[in-house]
């Protein structure tokens, strides 16, 4: 067991009138003095500019990727013409193209014996269903909030440089996740559609036989898949991004327990602000989360039942659509659920950190009014990577908050430890265990039905 000297290091804990800055945790970074010339805002990233003014001409605007994606997906609702184009594109690629492609497809007599049409029609429903849920979720967002308010950029004015820099990195990483999911699936979808369209034939009434209908439908079907997948995954990335912002803020709260600024009132105000934004996030995305869980569950179980009940051989030709559809659905689902459970776990873990902080400060204040205590063994007992272990607290008893104030703060945190919720139910690890048990039970039931029918 390690032994620490009682007067090794001391940090004075004083009530501060200003919001705590984490500049001391970055020794290589120093804030410029007020009298020095400040750099031009055009050379400073948007999230680090004091004014946070929206500018489409600034090359360092971190929202440019989101705006470009919204325009390419025809989701720009900033004008009346943009809304009309957005709804027309949505109806065309989400409803009309899949419907016509399913109606007018035919299998020539020379095609392989495996029937790909039944599986192809099956995946159109969940693809369009998830796209419809995501599209109306985004439409509701743009109607009530702007993109900046949706991503809580305006609220970043109250955050520290540590949180703003971390959020800037998360904005850059968001589209990497989107690209890493879409590009591999796009290549597989392209290969499958080439094989599929080389074996089937499309015929429509009142269409000239000389028109290359197969080529036209091939391009439209591929664009429809890209549109529906992009809209669904874009909402998933937005949800994960808001969860990462709250995770950074909880890390900031963890730092408040480490020394300077460890005043119960400051911690309480910061936690109330985080709780309010967590409630806003839960309220905005609850319809999307429930709709996705129900749609993906029905889709996966229906596909499992259809595949197991089918007597034909399963090949990439007739089952490739199911594989790609399942990969996209599960990728978006895990982006949302894992992001929600991580932030909920952080919210629940803050109680243990506050309790240990309260115990250490109380113990140090009871030893002597003039001695300085350093306690770290109590903080090293929890090895969970999500908790702030190795927190060293050195206190001067005369400058501590009162015992009753700290106890009230701990009690408040114990009764407000929920993170992301859906109609009052926390999306935590217990939710994941319950969901897995429910899904596994349905899978076993389907397997039993298939065995009985066969």
Protein backbone atom coordinates (compact mmCIF):
# COMPACT_ATOMS: atom_id res chain seq x y z
CA UNK A 1 0.00 0.00 0.00
CA UNK A 2 1.27 3.41 -0.94
CA UNK A 3 1.72 5.99 1.85
CA UNK A 4 1.40 9.68 1.19
CA UNK A 5 2.91 12.45 3.23
CA UNK A 6 0.24 14.61 4.81
CA UNK A 7 1.75 17.90 3.61
CA UNK A 8 2.95 16.83 0.18
CA UNK A 9 0.80 19.16 -1.91
CA UNK A 10 -1.97 21.57 -1.08
CA UNK A 11 -4.54 23.25 -3.27
CA UNK A 12 -6.62 26.03 -1.82
CA UNK A 13 -10.32 25.64 -2.51
CA UNK A 14 -11.89 29.07 -2.74
CA UNK A 15 -15.33 30.16 -3.87
CA UNK A 16 -14.98 31.80 -7.23
CA UNK A 17 -17.23 34.48 -8.64
CA UNK A 18 -16.50 33.49 -12.19
CA UNK A 19 -17.03 30.27 -14.16
CA UNK A 20 -14.17 27.86 -13.76
CA UNK A 21 -11.66 27.63 -16.60
CA UNK A 22 -9.61 24.55 -17.31
CA UNK A 23 -6.65 26.42 -18.70
CA UNK A 24 -4.51 25.11 -15.86
CA UNK A 25 -4.90 21.60 -17.23
CA UNK A 26 -3.23 22.62 -20.48
CA UNK A 27 0.15 24.03 -19.49
CA UNK A 28 1.24 24.47 -23.09
CA UNK A 29 -1.71 26.72 -23.83
CA UNK A 30 -1.80 30.25 -22.45
CA UNK A 31 -4.49 32.82 -22.82
CA UNK A 32 -3.20 36.06 -24.40
CA UNK A 33 -3.22 39.13 -22.14
CA UNK A 34 -6.04 41.56 -22.70
CA UNK A 35 -3.71 44.27 -23.95
CA UNK A 36 -2.29 42.16 -26.74
CA UNK A 37 -3.70 42.29 -30.25
CA UNK A 38 -6.30 39.58 -30.76
CA UNK A 39 -6.11 37.48 -33.96
CA UNK A 40 -8.59 37.92 -36.74
CA UNK A 41 -11.78 35.87 -36.28
CA UNK A 42 -11.38 34.49 -39.78
CA UNK A 43 -8.35 32.50 -38.58
CA UNK A 44 -10.05 31.16 -35.45
CA UNK A 45 -12.40 28.15 -35.55
CA UNK A 46 -16.06 29.01 -35.17
CA UNK A 47 -16.55 27.36 -31.79
CA UNK A 48 -13.63 29.35 -30.33
CA UNK A 49 -14.85 32.74 -31.53
CA UNK A 50 -16.41 34.80 -28.73
CA UNK A 51 -19.30 36.04 -30.86
CA UNK A 52 -20.18 32.70 -32.53
CA UNK A 53 -21.57 34.68 -35.44
CA UNK A 54 -22.97 32.55 -38.26
CA UNK A 55 -21.04 33.21 -41.44
CA UNK A 56 -21.28 31.20 -44.65
CA UNK A 57 -18.13 32.80 -46.05
CA UNK A 58 -15.80 31.78 -43.23
CA UNK A 59 -13.72 28.84 -44.40
CA UNK A 60 -13.27 27.59 -40.83
CA UNK A 61 -17.00 27.26 -40.24
CA UNK A 62 -17.32 23.81 -38.63
CA UNK A 63 -20.95 23.59 -39.75
CA UNK A 64 -20.10 23.71 -43.45
CA UNK A 65 -20.06 19.90 -43.68
CA UNK A 66 -23.54 19.70 -42.19
CA UNK A 67 -24.86 22.41 -44.50
CA UNK A 68 -23.31 20.76 -47.55
CA UNK A 69 -24.82 17.42 -46.54
CA UNK A 70 -28.23 18.99 -46.03
CA UNK A 71 -28.11 20.58 -49.47
CA UNK A 72 -26.99 17.38 -51.20
CA UNK A 73 -29.73 15.44 -49.42
CA UNK A 74 -32.24 18.16 -50.37
CA UNK A 75 -32.91 18.88 -46.69
CA UNK A 76 -32.30 22.63 -46.74
CA UNK A 77 -35.46 24.15 -45.24
CA UNK A 78 -34.09 27.68 -44.96
CA UNK A 79 -36.41 28.95 -47.72
CA UNK A 80 -39.83 28.16 -49.15
CA UNK A 81 -38.31 26.87 -52.40
CA UNK A 82 -35.95 24.68 -50.40
CA UNK A 83 -38.87 23.14 -48.51
CA UNK A 84 -40.74 22.36 -51.73
CA UNK A 85 -37.66 20.74 -53.28
CA UNK A 86 -37.02 18.83 -50.07
CA UNK A 87 -40.52 17.34 -49.85
CA UNK A 88 -40.61 16.55 -53.59
CA UNK A 89 -37.25 14.78 -53.41
CA UNK A 90 -38.34 12.89 -50.31
CA UNK A 91 -41.56 11.62 -51.91
CA UNK A 92 -39.81 10.69 -55.15
CA UNK A 93 -36.86 8.75 -53.69
CA UNK A 94 -38.58 7.30 -50.62
CA UNK A 95 -41.96 6.26 -52.02
CA UNK A 96 -42.25 6.51 -55.81
CA UNK A 97 -38.95 4.95 -56.91
CA UNK A 98 -39.10 1.90 -54.56
CA UNK A 99 -42.77 1.35 -55.38
CA UNK A 100 -42.34 1.47 -59.15
CA UNK A 101 -39.17 -0.64 -59.01
CA UNK A 102 -41.04 -3.33 -57.07
CA UNK A 103 -44.10 -3.31 -59.35
CA UNK A 104 -42.48 -3.40 -62.79
CA UNK A 105 -39.65 -5.84 -62.11
CA UNK A 106 -39.78 -9.17 -63.95
CA UNK A 107 -37.59 -12.27 -63.95
CA UNK A 108 -36.80 -13.63 -67.41
CA UNK A 109 -36.94 -17.37 -68.01
CA UNK A 110 -33.17 -17.43 -68.48
CA UNK A 111 -32.51 -15.92 -65.04
CA UNK A 112 -31.13 -18.00 -62.14
CA UNK A 113 -33.61 -20.13 -60.24
CA UNK A 114 -33.14 -18.20 -57.01
CA UNK A 115 -35.94 -15.67 -56.58
CA UNK A 116 -34.55 -12.30 -55.46
CA UNK A 117 -37.77 -10.33 -55.75
CA UNK A 118 -39.37 -11.42 -52.47
CA UNK A 119 -36.32 -10.40 -50.44
CA UNK A 120 -35.95 -7.19 -52.45
CA UNK A 121 -39.54 -6.16 -51.72
CA UNK A 122 -39.12 -7.02 -48.05
CA UNK A 123 -36.23 -4.61 -47.46
CA UNK A 124 -38.01 -1.69 -49.17
CA UNK A 125 -40.44 -1.31 -46.28
CA UNK A 126 -37.91 -0.81 -43.45
CA UNK A 127 -35.66 1.33 -45.66
CA UNK A 128 -38.48 3.70 -46.48
CA UNK A 129 -39.88 3.48 -42.95
CA UNK A 130 -36.62 4.61 -41.33
CA UNK A 131 -36.19 7.33 -43.95
CA UNK A 132 -39.72 8.63 -43.25
CA UNK A 133 -39.06 8.72 -39.49
CA UNK A 134 -35.72 10.47 -39.96
CA UNK A 135 -37.06 12.97 -42.50
CA UNK A 136 -39.96 14.14 -40.36
CA UNK A 137 -37.64 14.27 -37.34
CA UNK A 138 -35.33 16.63 -39.24
CA UNK A 139 -38.30 18.63 -40.55
CA UNK A 140 -39.53 19.13 -37.00
CA UNK A 141 -36.05 20.19 -35.92
CA UNK A 142 -35.68 22.79 -38.66
CA UNK A 143 -39.19 24.09 -38.04
CA UNK A 144 -38.63 24.67 -34.31
CA UNK A 145 -34.87 25.18 -34.09
CA UNK A 146 -32.01 26.13 -36.35
CA UNK A 147 -28.98 23.97 -36.93
CA UNK A 148 -26.96 25.93 -34.38
CA UNK A 149 -29.61 25.60 -31.69
CA UNK A 150 -30.07 21.91 -32.51
CA UNK A 151 -26.36 21.30 -31.91
CA UNK A 152 -26.33 23.59 -28.82
CA UNK A 153 -23.73 25.88 -30.39
CA UNK A 154 -25.28 28.99 -28.86
CA UNK A 155 -25.05 27.42 -25.39
CA UNK A 156 -21.30 26.92 -25.87
CA UNK A 157 -20.76 30.57 -24.95
CA UNK A 158 -21.12 29.50 -21.31
CA UNK A 159 -18.66 26.61 -21.65
CA UNK A 160 -14.92 26.54 -21.12
CA UNK A 161 -12.23 26.36 -23.77
CA UNK A 162 -11.74 22.70 -22.85
CA UNK A 163 -15.34 21.85 -23.81
CA UNK A 164 -15.32 23.97 -26.97
CA UNK A 165 -12.12 22.42 -28.27
CA UNK A 166 -13.44 18.94 -27.54
CA UNK A 167 -16.71 19.71 -29.33
CA UNK A 168 -14.78 21.00 -32.34
CA UNK A 169 -12.99 17.65 -32.56
CA UNK A 170 -16.29 15.79 -32.26
CA UNK A 171 -17.77 17.85 -35.12
CA UNK A 172 -14.86 16.81 -37.29
CA UNK A 173 -15.22 13.15 -36.29
CA UNK A 174 -18.97 13.05 -36.89
CA UNK A 175 -18.68 12.82 -40.66
CA UNK A 176 -15.95 10.23 -40.40
CA UNK A 177 -18.47 7.92 -38.76
CA UNK A 178 -20.97 8.72 -41.50
CA UNK A 179 -18.42 8.04 -44.23
CA UNK A 180 -17.15 4.83 -42.63
CA UNK A 181 -20.69 3.41 -42.64
CA UNK A 182 -21.96 4.63 -46.01
CA UNK A 183 -18.94 3.98 -48.26
CA UNK A 184 -18.49 0.23 -47.58
CA UNK A 185 -22.24 -0.34 -47.80
CA UNK A 186 -22.39 1.68 -51.03
CA UNK A 187 -19.75 -0.50 -52.70
CA UNK A 188 -21.55 -3.68 -51.66
CA UNK A 189 -24.90 -2.24 -52.76
CA UNK A 190 -23.42 -1.24 -56.12
CA UNK A 191 -22.03 -4.74 -56.69
CA UNK A 192 -25.34 -6.34 -55.74
CA UNK A 193 -27.40 -4.03 -57.94
CA UNK A 194 -25.15 -4.72 -60.93
CA UNK A 195 -25.74 -8.45 -60.50
CA UNK A 196 -29.44 -7.93 -59.78
CA UNK A 197 -30.15 -5.70 -62.79
CA UNK A 198 -28.20 -7.96 -65.10
CA UNK A 199 -30.60 -10.82 -64.24
CA UNK A 200 -33.97 -9.03 -64.13
CA UNK A 201 -35.95 -6.94 -66.57
CA UNK A 202 -38.11 -3.86 -66.07
CA UNK A 203 -41.10 -3.22 -68.27
CA UNK A 204 -43.71 -0.49 -67.94
CA UNK A 205 -46.80 0.30 -70.02
CA UNK A 206 -46.67 3.14 -72.54
CA UNK A 207 -42.87 3.08 -72.51
CA UNK A 208 -40.96 2.76 -75.78
CA UNK A 209 -39.06 -0.55 -76.04
CA UNK A 210 -35.99 1.30 -77.28
CA UNK A 211 -35.65 3.25 -74.03
CA UNK A 212 -32.90 1.84 -71.76
CA UNK A 213 -35.32 1.36 -68.89
CA UNK A 214 -33.03 -0.98 -66.95
CA UNK A 215 -30.22 1.57 -66.87
CA UNK A 216 -32.55 4.38 -65.81
CA UNK A 217 -34.11 2.33 -63.02
CA UNK A 218 -30.64 1.18 -61.93
CA UNK A 219 -29.48 4.76 -61.40
CA UNK A 220 -32.74 5.79 -59.69
CA UNK A 221 -32.71 2.78 -57.34
CA UNK A 222 -29.09 3.45 -56.38
CA UNK A 223 -29.83 7.14 -55.72
CA UNK A 224 -32.91 6.14 -53.72
CA UNK A 225 -30.84 3.82 -51.53
CA UNK A 226 -28.20 6.51 -50.99
CA UNK A 227 -30.84 9.12 -50.11
CA UNK A 228 -32.74 6.95 -47.64
CA UNK A 229 -29.57 5.67 -45.99
CA UNK A 230 -28.04 9.14 -45.76
CA UNK A 231 -31.11 10.71 -44.16
CA UNK A 232 -31.38 7.96 -41.55
CA UNK A 233 -27.69 7.96 -40.63
CA UNK A 234 -27.54 11.77 -40.56
CA UNK A 235 -30.06 11.89 -37.70
CA UNK A 236 -28.13 9.14 -35.90
CA UNK A 237 -24.92 11.17 -36.18
CA UNK A 238 -26.66 14.33 -34.93
CA UNK A 239 -27.96 12.46 -31.89
CA UNK A 240 -24.55 10.98 -31.12
CA UNK A 241 -22.97 14.43 -31.47
CA UNK A 242 -25.28 15.97 -28.87
CA UNK A 243 -24.51 13.06 -26.53
CA UNK A 244 -20.77 13.66 -26.95
CA UNK A 245 -21.24 17.32 -26.03
CA UNK A 246 -22.90 16.39 -22.74
CA UNK A 247 -20.14 13.84 -22.12
CA UNK A 248 -17.56 16.64 -22.42
CA UNK A 249 -19.55 18.74 -19.98
CA UNK A 250 -19.67 15.92 -17.45
CA UNK A 251 -15.90 15.67 -17.76
CA UNK A 252 -15.83 19.35 -16.92
CA UNK A 253 -17.94 18.68 -13.83
CA UNK A 254 -15.48 15.94 -12.84
CA UNK A 255 -12.70 18.53 -12.96
CA UNK A 256 -14.65 20.78 -10.61
CA UNK A 257 -14.15 18.17 -7.90
CA UNK A 258 -10.37 18.20 -8.33
CA UNK A 259 -9.42 21.48 -6.76
CA UNK A 260 -9.99 25.06 -7.80
CA UNK A 261 -13.63 25.99 -7.95
CA UNK A 262 -14.84 23.03 -5.89
CA UNK A 263 -17.75 25.00 -4.54
CA UNK A 264 -21.09 23.23 -4.21
CA UNK A 265 -23.00 26.14 -5.73
CA UNK A 266 -20.85 26.22 -8.88
CA UNK A 267 -21.19 22.45 -9.33
CA UNK A 268 -24.95 22.63 -8.78
CA UNK A 269 -25.47 25.35 -11.41
CA UNK A 270 -23.38 23.47 -13.97
CA UNK A 271 -25.24 20.21 -13.34
CA UNK A 272 -28.62 21.94 -13.66
CA UNK A 273 -27.56 23.35 -17.03
CA UNK A 274 -26.48 19.90 -18.25
CA UNK A 275 -29.70 18.32 -16.99
CA UNK A 276 -31.78 20.87 -18.88
CA UNK A 277 -29.98 20.12 -22.14
CA UNK A 278 -30.23 16.36 -21.55
CA UNK A 279 -33.98 16.80 -21.13
CA UNK A 280 -34.15 18.80 -24.36
CA UNK A 281 -32.20 16.11 -26.22
CA UNK A 282 -34.40 13.33 -24.85
CA UNK A 283 -37.56 15.23 -25.78
CA UNK A 284 -36.37 15.97 -29.32
CA UNK A 285 -35.24 12.46 -30.23
CA UNK A 286 -37.70 10.26 -28.35
CA UNK A 287 -40.00 9.73 -31.35
CA UNK A 288 -37.02 8.92 -33.55
CA UNK A 289 -35.56 6.42 -31.04
CA UNK A 290 -38.85 4.59 -30.45
CA UNK A 291 -39.68 4.52 -34.15
CA UNK A 292 -36.25 3.13 -35.04
CA UNK A 293 -36.34 0.45 -32.33
CA UNK A 294 -39.79 -0.76 -33.44
CA UNK A 295 -38.98 -0.62 -37.17
CA UNK A 296 -35.61 -2.35 -36.85
CA UNK A 297 -37.02 -5.04 -34.55
CA UNK A 298 -39.90 -5.88 -36.90
CA UNK A 299 -37.58 -5.76 -39.91
CA UNK A 300 -34.92 -8.04 -38.46
CA UNK A 301 -37.37 -10.58 -37.07
CA UNK A 302 -39.40 -10.59 -40.28
CA UNK A 303 -36.26 -11.11 -42.34
CA UNK A 304 -35.18 -13.93 -40.06
CA UNK A 305 -38.56 -15.64 -40.36
CA UNK A 306 -38.62 -15.26 -44.15
CA UNK A 307 -35.08 -16.52 -44.62
CA UNK A 308 -35.55 -19.54 -42.38
CA UNK A 309 -38.89 -20.44 -43.96
CA UNK A 310 -37.58 -20.14 -47.52
CA UNK A 311 -36.56 -23.41 -49.17
CA UNK A 312 -34.28 -21.85 -51.79
CA UNK A 313 -30.53 -21.56 -51.42
CA UNK A 314 -29.29 -18.29 -49.95
CA UNK A 315 -26.84 -16.46 -52.20
CA UNK A 316 -25.57 -12.93 -52.62
CA UNK A 317 -27.88 -12.60 -55.61
CA UNK A 318 -31.12 -13.14 -53.69
CA UNK A 319 -30.06 -12.17 -50.13
CA UNK A 320 -27.63 -9.30 -50.65
CA UNK A 321 -30.30 -6.68 -49.99
CA UNK A 322 -31.02 -8.19 -46.58
CA UNK A 323 -27.35 -8.11 -45.59
CA UNK A 324 -26.86 -4.48 -46.61
CA UNK A 325 -30.13 -3.35 -45.04
CA UNK A 326 -29.29 -5.08 -41.76
CA UNK A 327 -25.79 -3.58 -41.69
CA UNK A 328 -27.12 -0.03 -42.13
CA UNK A 329 -29.91 -0.49 -39.59
CA UNK A 330 -27.69 -1.96 -36.89
CA UNK A 331 -24.94 0.63 -37.47
CA UNK A 332 -27.35 3.51 -36.99
CA UNK A 333 -29.04 1.78 -34.06
CA UNK A 334 -25.76 1.25 -32.21
CA UNK A 335 -24.67 4.83 -32.91
CA UNK A 336 -27.77 6.07 -31.09
CA UNK A 337 -28.07 3.52 -28.30
CA UNK A 338 -24.39 3.40 -27.36
CA UNK A 339 -24.19 7.19 -27.35
CA UNK A 340 -27.24 7.39 -25.07
CA UNK A 341 -26.03 4.68 -22.67
CA UNK A 342 -22.57 6.25 -22.39
CA UNK A 343 -23.91 9.65 -21.40
CA UNK A 344 -26.39 8.03 -18.99
CA UNK A 345 -23.55 6.09 -17.39
CA UNK A 346 -21.61 9.34 -16.97
CA UNK A 347 -24.63 10.98 -15.37
CA UNK A 348 -25.00 8.11 -12.92
CA UNK A 349 -21.27 7.99 -12.16
CA UNK A 350 -21.18 11.61 -11.03
CA UNK A 351 -22.97 10.58 -7.81
CA UNK A 352 -20.11 8.33 -6.71
CA UNK A 353 -17.54 11.04 -7.45
CA UNK A 354 -19.52 13.65 -5.51
CA UNK A 355 -19.96 11.28 -2.57
CA UNK A 356 -16.22 10.58 -2.37
CA UNK A 357 -15.46 14.29 -2.70
CA UNK A 358 -17.87 15.06 0.15
CA UNK A 359 -16.31 12.36 2.33
CA UNK A 360 -12.74 13.54 1.66
CA UNK A 361 -13.52 17.19 2.35
CA UNK A 362 -15.42 16.32 5.53
CA UNK A 363 -12.64 14.05 6.77
CA UNK A 364 -9.98 16.65 6.03
CA UNK A 365 -11.91 19.40 7.79
CA UNK A 366 -12.39 17.27 10.91
CA UNK A 367 -8.69 16.52 11.41
CA UNK A 368 -7.42 19.97 12.24
CA UNK A 369 -8.19 23.56 11.51
CA UNK A 370 -4.61 24.34 10.54
CA UNK A 371 -3.30 21.13 8.93
CA UNK A 372 -3.58 20.34 5.25
CA UNK A 373 -4.72 16.87 4.26
CA UNK A 374 -4.20 14.94 1.08
CA UNK A 375 -6.28 11.83 0.55
CA UNK A 376 -6.18 9.65 -2.58
CA UNK A 377 -6.67 6.05 -1.48
CA UNK A 378 -10.42 6.42 -1.35
CA UNK A 379 -10.50 7.59 -4.94
CA UNK A 380 -8.35 4.75 -6.28
CA UNK A 381 -10.85 2.06 -5.24
CA UNK A 382 -12.98 2.41 -8.37
CA UNK A 383 -11.20 1.18 -11.50
CA UNK A 384 -14.02 2.06 -13.94
CA UNK A 385 -12.59 4.01 -16.84
CA UNK A 386 -15.68 6.26 -17.00
CA UNK A 387 -15.09 7.63 -13.49
CA UNK A 388 -12.50 10.27 -12.61
CA UNK A 389 -10.08 8.14 -10.62
CA UNK A 390 -6.82 9.45 -9.15
CA UNK A 391 -8.41 12.72 -8.06
CA UNK A 392 -6.15 14.37 -5.47
CA UNK A 393 -7.93 16.82 -3.18
CA UNK A 394 -5.98 19.04 -0.80
CA UNK A 395 -8.05 21.39 1.30
CA UNK A 396 -7.86 24.21 3.79
CA UNK A 397 -10.77 23.67 6.23
CA UNK A 398 -11.45 27.36 6.79
CA UNK A 399 -12.27 27.83 3.12
CA UNK A 400 -14.61 24.85 2.67
CA UNK A 401 -18.31 24.96 1.92
CA UNK A 402 -20.53 23.95 4.78
CA UNK A 403 -21.27 20.31 5.47
CA UNK A 404 -24.99 20.84 4.94
CA UNK A 405 -24.45 22.40 1.51
CA UNK A 406 -22.28 19.54 0.33
CA UNK A 407 -24.71 16.97 1.72
CA UNK A 408 -27.57 18.70 -0.08
CA UNK A 409 -25.60 18.62 -3.33
CA UNK A 410 -24.95 14.88 -2.98
CA UNK A 411 -28.64 14.26 -2.25
CA UNK A 412 -29.64 16.32 -5.28
CA UNK A 413 -27.28 14.35 -7.53
CA UNK A 414 -28.63 11.05 -6.19
CA UNK A 415 -32.15 12.02 -7.27
CA UNK A 416 -31.10 13.52 -10.63
CA UNK A 417 -28.78 10.94 -12.12
CA UNK A 418 -30.74 10.13 -15.28
CA UNK A 419 -29.13 10.82 -18.62
CA UNK A 420 -31.03 10.28 -21.88
CA UNK A 421 -34.60 9.17 -21.20
CA UNK A 422 -37.56 8.08 -23.32
CA UNK A 423 -40.85 8.89 -21.60
CA UNK A 424 -39.18 8.56 -18.19
CA UNK A 425 -37.21 5.38 -18.91
CA UNK A 426 -33.44 5.81 -18.79
CA UNK A 427 -31.43 4.52 -21.75
CA UNK A 428 -28.73 2.90 -19.64
CA UNK A 429 -27.01 -0.47 -19.54
CA UNK A 430 -29.98 -2.08 -17.85
CA UNK A 431 -32.08 -0.96 -20.80
CA UNK A 432 -29.61 -2.63 -23.16
CA UNK A 433 -29.77 -5.86 -21.15
CA UNK A 434 -33.58 -5.80 -21.17
CA UNK A 435 -33.70 -5.07 -24.89
CA UNK A 436 -31.26 -7.86 -25.64
CA UNK A 437 -33.27 -10.34 -23.56
CA UNK A 438 -36.48 -9.32 -25.33
CA UNK A 439 -34.95 -9.60 -28.81
CA UNK A 440 -33.31 -12.92 -27.99
CA UNK A 441 -36.62 -14.31 -26.75
CA UNK A 442 -38.30 -13.33 -30.03
CA UNK A 443 -35.49 -14.97 -32.01
CA UNK A 444 -35.89 -18.20 -30.06
CA UNK A 445 -39.66 -18.09 -30.60
CA UNK A 446 -39.21 -17.64 -34.36
CA UNK A 447 -36.74 -20.52 -34.46
CA UNK A 448 -39.22 -22.73 -32.64
CA UNK A 449 -42.00 -21.79 -35.09
CA UNK A 450 -39.77 -22.54 -38.08
CA UNK A 451 -38.81 -25.93 -36.66
CA UNK A 452 -42.47 -26.81 -36.08
CA UNK A 453 -43.51 -25.68 -39.58
CA UNK A 454 -40.70 -27.58 -41.24
